[in-house]
Amino acid sequence: MISYSFKNTYFLLFFLFFFSLISCSQSKSSKFQVQEDAVLEILPGAQQTNLYLKLLASKNVAVVANQTSVIFKDQKNYTHIVDSLLLHKINVSKVFSPEHGFRGDADAGEKVIDGIDAKTGVPIVSLYGSNKKPSKEQLKNIDVVVFDIQDVGVRFYTYISTLHYVMEACAEQGIPIILLDRPNPNGQYIDGPMLEIEHTSFVGMHPIPVVYGMTIGEYAQMINGENWLKNNIKCDLTVIPLKNYNHSNTYSLPIKPSPNLPNDKAINLYPSLCFFEGTNVSVGRGTEKQFQIFGSPFMKSTALNFCFTPQPNSGAKHPMHENIECCGFDLSNIENLNKIELSYLIEAYSLTEDKSKFFNSFFTKLAGTTKLQEQLEDNYSTEEIYNSWKPNLESFKKMRVKYLLYK
């Protein structure tokens, strides 16, 4: 009897030990799979080389790219799209770079010059400054253009203006474009005033709201479909779509899209705070909290206990109010927004003593209309301003539907 119990106990212990090993192994495997799935949950177009490499074989290729144009191997390791194409024996003849340059280190508005990429030896042509549209000569002998730039889904972010001019130039020369789509970190909502055609500029080229809720691939289809290119010409456009993406997804950009959008919080606040670029209020350029704080030397209140002093840094060689203390608000710890928050503008305007110097001419270009400044000057409430946007937003939402690639 004792012997029988011992044998059963021994067998039971052995079975439990063996089972625990299997469970542990499965647990580790499952944990790794979850992590792997998280990395691969959304696949940008650039990751899906099987869909576009065959379209580039034996052709002279130009690439429109910057520091965000990468193919990820895992969360920490990646290859630039230009390097990847060269590794696959694709003949990359030229690179076109947008605002902030090919490596993404130029200030906002800073002229970007042509050059040679030190790593690959490929010629780089700037599309920012005096030359915003590729010329016929610059496109000579090019068979196809690859466009791969991470956008943030905001009208005054100039990468979509670069897209317009590239599409127009290629359409004029009969050169097809392959656009490698990327997620929109502000793609979950639509908001803001609609641009009026008389206020068209490089920070607003088309009649869309400030936040338009589309990926750059969907937006390219809208440019074509709405006949926004010169003389109503059409671009031969192929969009390599995202995989596992929809507009309700949140997406954390692994590489900052420009020097002054350093993190997710700045990207989320950018649609609301960029209006300040048309005022005498700093949005934190020259600090480490760009587009997460705002303030000025002209806002006066005993309640303002947050202050900062802009200094030259890698994102701003000469920031607004350089070496001058600015007092205002720190938004770096607020919850993420799903709308344009107008209370910041209204509060800053109300606290500015000399209101005649609050706005500058750039404000209307950013807003795309004179109405927003007039509403702020006339002390409209946030609700009144929001309501004035609604008819145009509803019309845009209906027009937008036919260009969507994702739900």
Foldseek 3Di string as FASTA:
>chain_A
DVVVVVVVVVVVVVVVVVVVVVVVVVVVVVVVVVQVCVFVLKFWLLQPCVVPLVVQPPFAEEEEAAQLQWHDPGLPDIGHSVRVSVVVVGHHQEYEYEPCGRHQQDAGLDDDQWDADPPPRHTYHYLGDPHVAQDPVNCPRGQAYEYEAFDQQFQQPQPLLSVLRDQLRCLVVVHAYEYTWDDHQLQQAAAAAFADCVLADSRHHDGGGGGHNAISQLVLVVCLVVLSHPPSGHHNYHYSHMPNDASVDHDWRSCQRHDQQHGSQQSLQVSQPVLQVQWLKAQQAQHPQHSQWIWHPQFDDPPFPDKDARDADSHHNPGRNHRHITTGDGRSPPDGDNYHDHVRVLNRCVRGDPNVRTGHPVSCSSNSHPVVVVCSVVPPDPVVVRVVRPVVRVVSVVVSVVSHPHD
